[in-house]
Protein backbone atom coordinates (compact mmCIF):
# COMPACT_ATOMS: atom_id res chain seq x y z
CA MET A 1 98.72 93.78 106.90
CA THR A 2 101.39 94.35 109.53
CA LEU A 3 104.84 95.32 108.25
CA PRO A 4 107.86 93.61 109.75
CA ARG A 5 109.79 95.76 112.23
CA ARG A 6 112.87 95.99 109.93
CA ALA A 7 110.78 97.18 106.97
CA LEU A 8 108.95 99.71 109.14
CA LEU A 9 112.26 101.17 110.39
CA THR A 10 113.59 101.45 106.83
CA LEU A 11 110.44 103.30 105.75
CA ILE A 12 110.74 105.78 108.63
CA LEU A 13 114.40 106.53 107.81
CA ALA A 14 113.62 106.97 104.12
CA CYS A 15 110.98 109.54 104.96
CA ALA A 16 113.25 111.36 107.39
CA VAL A 17 116.16 111.87 104.98
CA PRO A 18 114.38 114.26 102.58
CA LEU A 19 113.08 116.27 105.53
CA ALA A 20 116.59 116.64 106.96
CA GLY A 21 117.99 117.62 103.57
CA ALA A 22 115.23 120.15 103.04
CA SER A 23 116.10 121.88 106.33
CA GLU A 24 119.73 122.59 105.31
CA ALA A 25 120.39 126.13 104.09
CA PRO A 26 122.12 126.39 100.69
CA ARG A 27 125.81 127.11 100.91
CA PRO A 28 126.80 130.65 99.87
CA ALA A 29 128.80 131.23 96.72
CA THR A 30 132.50 131.78 97.36
CA VAL A 31 135.24 133.60 95.46
CA GLU A 32 139.00 133.08 95.82
CA LEU A 33 141.02 136.32 95.76
CA ALA A 34 144.65 137.38 96.07
CA ALA A 35 146.48 140.65 96.66
CA GLU A 36 150.04 141.75 97.27
CA ALA A 37 152.07 144.78 98.28
CA GLN A 38 155.74 145.72 98.57
CA ARG A 39 157.73 148.19 100.61
CA ALA A 40 161.35 149.24 100.21
CA ALA A 41 163.55 148.70 103.26
CA ALA A 42 166.97 150.26 103.70
CA ASN A 43 169.86 147.80 103.82
CA ASP A 44 171.15 149.18 107.10
CA LEU A 45 172.89 146.03 108.36
CA ALA A 46 176.24 144.91 106.95
CA THR A 47 177.60 141.40 107.45
CA ALA A 48 180.97 140.08 106.34
CA THR A 49 183.13 136.99 106.59
CA ALA A 50 186.92 137.29 106.65
CA TYR A 51 189.36 134.41 106.82
CA HIS A 52 193.00 133.41 106.91
CA GLU A 53 194.22 130.33 105.06
CA ALA A 54 197.72 128.87 105.11
CA THR A 55 199.76 125.72 104.46
CA ALA A 56 202.55 124.20 106.57
CA THR A 57 204.31 120.89 106.97
CA THR A 58 202.56 119.90 110.21
CA PRO A 59 199.12 120.54 111.74
CA ALA A 60 200.74 122.33 114.67
CA ALA A 61 202.73 124.64 112.44
CA VAL A 62 199.78 125.65 110.28
CA ALA A 63 197.57 126.11 113.36
CA THR A 64 200.13 128.44 114.92
CA GLN A 65 200.27 130.56 111.78
CA VAL A 66 196.50 130.77 111.25
CA ASN A 67 195.63 131.26 114.91
CA ARG A 68 198.14 134.09 115.20
CA ALA A 69 196.57 135.91 112.25
CA ILE A 70 193.02 135.40 113.54
CA ALA A 71 193.94 136.53 117.07
CA ALA A 72 195.51 139.71 115.70
CA ALA A 73 192.40 140.38 113.58
CA LEU A 74 190.12 139.92 116.59
CA GLU A 75 192.15 142.41 118.60
CA ILE A 76 191.79 144.99 115.82
CA ALA A 77 188.05 144.30 115.51
CA LYS A 78 187.52 144.80 119.25
CA THR A 79 188.60 148.42 118.90
CA TYR A 80 185.46 149.06 116.81
CA GLY A 81 182.64 149.20 119.33
CA ASP A 82 179.93 149.43 116.67
CA VAL A 83 181.01 146.19 115.01
CA ARG A 84 179.98 142.84 116.47
CA VAL A 85 182.59 140.14 115.87
CA GLN A 86 182.60 136.41 116.52
CA SER A 87 184.70 133.42 115.55
CA GLY A 88 183.52 131.43 112.57
CA SER A 89 184.30 127.96 111.28
CA THR A 90 187.79 126.43 111.29
CA GLN A 91 188.91 123.60 109.04
CA THR A 92 192.16 121.65 108.69
CA TRP A 93 192.86 119.12 105.95
CA PRO A 94 195.86 117.23 104.54
CA VAL A 95 197.62 118.21 101.33
CA TYR A 96 198.64 115.19 99.27
CA ALA A 97 201.62 114.98 96.96
CA ARG A 98 200.77 114.95 93.28
CA ASN A 99 199.90 111.48 92.00
CA SER A 100 200.46 110.08 95.47
CA ARG A 101 198.55 109.26 98.63
CA SER A 102 201.36 110.51 100.85
CA ILE A 103 200.74 113.69 102.86
CA GLU A 104 203.19 116.47 102.10
CA GLY A 105 201.60 119.20 104.20
CA TRP A 106 198.56 120.56 106.00
CA ARG A 107 196.21 123.39 105.12
CA MET A 108 194.01 125.31 107.52
CA ARG A 109 191.32 127.93 107.15
CA SER A 110 189.72 129.91 109.97
CA GLU A 111 187.00 132.57 109.73
CA ILE A 112 185.66 135.51 111.69
CA ARG A 113 182.22 137.00 111.15
CA LEU A 114 181.42 140.67 111.42
CA GLU A 115 178.11 142.52 111.71
CA SER A 116 177.32 146.20 112.08
CA ARG A 117 174.78 148.90 111.33
CA ASN A 118 177.61 151.42 111.17
CA ILE A 119 178.53 150.97 107.51
CA ALA A 120 181.45 153.40 107.64
CA ALA A 121 183.02 151.62 110.62
CA MET A 122 182.57 148.22 108.98
CA SER A 123 184.15 149.47 105.75
CA GLU A 124 187.14 150.92 107.59
CA LEU A 125 187.65 147.78 109.68
CA LEU A 126 187.56 145.50 106.65
CA GLY A 127 190.17 147.68 104.98
CA LYS A 128 192.51 147.15 107.93
CA LEU A 129 191.84 143.43 108.23
CA GLN A 130 192.71 142.85 104.59
CA ASP A 131 196.38 143.35 105.41
CA THR A 132 196.36 139.77 106.74
CA LEU A 133 192.92 138.33 106.00
CA ALA A 134 190.89 137.72 102.87
CA VAL A 135 187.22 138.66 102.65
CA SER A 136 184.97 135.95 101.26
CA GLN A 137 181.71 137.86 101.39
CA ILE A 138 180.10 141.17 102.25
CA ALA A 139 176.32 141.40 102.28
CA MET A 140 173.88 144.22 102.93
CA GLN A 141 170.39 143.61 104.28
CA PRO A 142 167.71 145.31 106.37
CA ALA A 143 168.14 145.04 110.13
CA PRO A 144 165.37 142.96 111.78
CA GLU A 145 163.48 146.01 113.06
CA THR A 146 163.80 147.76 109.69
CA ARG A 147 162.48 144.70 107.89
CA ARG A 148 159.60 144.34 110.35
CA GLN A 149 158.50 147.95 109.88
CA ALA A 150 158.50 147.56 106.10
CA ALA A 151 156.62 144.25 106.37
CA ASP A 152 153.98 145.82 108.63
CA GLU A 153 153.41 148.65 106.17
CA ALA A 154 153.20 146.21 103.26
CA THR A 155 150.73 144.05 105.21
CA VAL A 156 148.38 146.99 105.78
CA GLU A 157 148.54 147.92 102.10
CA ALA A 158 147.97 144.32 100.97
CA ILE A 159 144.92 143.94 103.24
CA ARG A 160 143.44 147.15 101.87
CA ALA A 161 144.05 145.91 98.33
CA PHE A 162 142.31 142.63 99.18
CA GLU A 163 139.31 144.47 100.61
CA GLU A 164 139.07 146.71 97.54
CA ARG A 165 139.10 143.68 95.27
CA ALA A 166 136.47 141.94 97.39
CA ARG A 167 134.19 144.99 97.24
CA LEU A 168 134.69 145.22 93.48
CA VAL A 169 133.77 141.58 92.89
CA ALA A 170 130.80 141.56 95.26
CA GLY A 171 129.51 144.92 94.04
CA THR A 172 129.71 143.87 90.40
CA LEU A 173 127.59 140.84 91.23
CA GLY A 174 125.15 142.93 93.23
CA ARG A 175 125.95 141.10 96.45
CA LYS A 176 127.42 141.79 99.85
CA TYR A 177 130.26 139.72 101.26
CA HIS A 178 132.20 138.68 104.30
CA ILE A 179 135.72 137.28 104.53
CA ALA A 180 135.70 133.54 105.19
CA HIS A 181 139.44 132.90 105.11
CA LEU A 182 142.64 134.94 104.92
CA SER A 183 146.26 133.78 104.61
CA ILE A 184 149.18 136.22 104.85
CA THR A 185 152.73 135.31 103.82
CA GLU A 186 155.82 137.48 103.82
CA GLY A 187 158.65 137.37 101.33
CA GLY A 188 161.48 139.60 100.30
CA TYR A 189 164.19 140.19 97.77
CA HIS A 190 167.76 140.58 98.91
CA PRO A 191 170.30 141.98 96.44
CA PRO A 192 173.41 139.89 95.84
CA PRO A 193 176.47 140.48 98.03
CA VAL A 194 178.12 143.79 97.25
CA MET A 195 181.46 142.05 97.09
CA ALA A 196 182.53 138.43 97.03
CA ARG A 197 186.01 137.12 97.68
CA MET A 198 188.63 139.84 97.94
CA SER A 199 192.01 138.38 98.73
CA ALA A 200 194.69 140.01 100.85
CA GLU A 201 196.88 140.32 97.75
CA MET A 202 194.14 142.35 96.03
CA ALA A 203 193.95 144.73 98.99
CA MET A 204 197.51 146.06 99.09
CA SER A 205 196.56 149.05 101.24
CA ALA A 206 194.27 149.54 104.22
CA ALA A 207 191.77 151.54 102.17
CA PRO A 208 188.14 151.12 103.32
CA ALA A 209 186.26 148.36 101.53
CA PRO A 210 183.76 149.73 98.98
CA MET A 211 180.20 149.26 100.26
CA GLU A 212 176.88 150.53 98.90
CA ALA A 213 173.87 149.90 101.12
CA GLY A 214 170.94 150.21 98.69
CA GLN A 215 167.49 148.82 99.47
CA SER A 216 165.61 145.53 99.58
CA LEU A 217 161.99 145.01 98.62
CA ILE A 218 159.85 143.38 101.30
CA GLY A 219 156.71 141.78 99.89
CA VAL A 220 153.50 140.53 101.49
CA ASN A 221 151.09 138.19 99.70
CA ILE A 222 147.49 137.64 100.75
CA ASN A 223 145.30 134.77 99.60
CA GLY A 224 141.74 134.54 100.82
CA ARG A 225 138.17 133.51 100.22
CA ILE A 226 135.03 135.60 100.49
CA GLU A 227 131.44 134.41 100.76
CA LEU A 228 128.80 136.28 98.79
CA ILE A 229 125.65 137.03 100.76
CA ASP A 230 122.33 138.66 99.91
């Protein structure tokens, strides 16, 4: 009896599928692992924001007052070569009379931003600026190169920890291994600002602003997968 062509083709394919499946090698067993490491990095970069805020009857009057104070502060800051200074945000808004929609004045706030690795110079400058400006924030953090060095050291330690864990798991199971996948992420903890919001009234003298550098922890996390082999 002669089989129809369609039936013959189906029979050939059915016979071929088991042969193809039999030729595939079994997939190796895999294990998901994680490791982490941390390194301390010196907070050797200080950043600060100082501002002047005032109220006057007209936008022009308040702008004159605020701009004069900011210009004077910038001139003082320029005498400190180790401190980088730049203008920050400036805002002007109306002041309304109580229980009324009529404008009785204008308020303006303008900021300057400071950055330096010379902590002593930054502290001294902020003390002088507080005669006319208020300080909204001072923060300490690792400089980019300091952070990178700590992150590199933590990465090496985390990779070694991952390899040790992989050897432990594979050795316990009596197998060898190779790394199939590795993901490295970097994190870090920054301490809160050393000072937040010191007004000009609070700083009656030009004493240096109190600043303590401290350290930040730079962390590296590794997640990966190993394949167990005979």
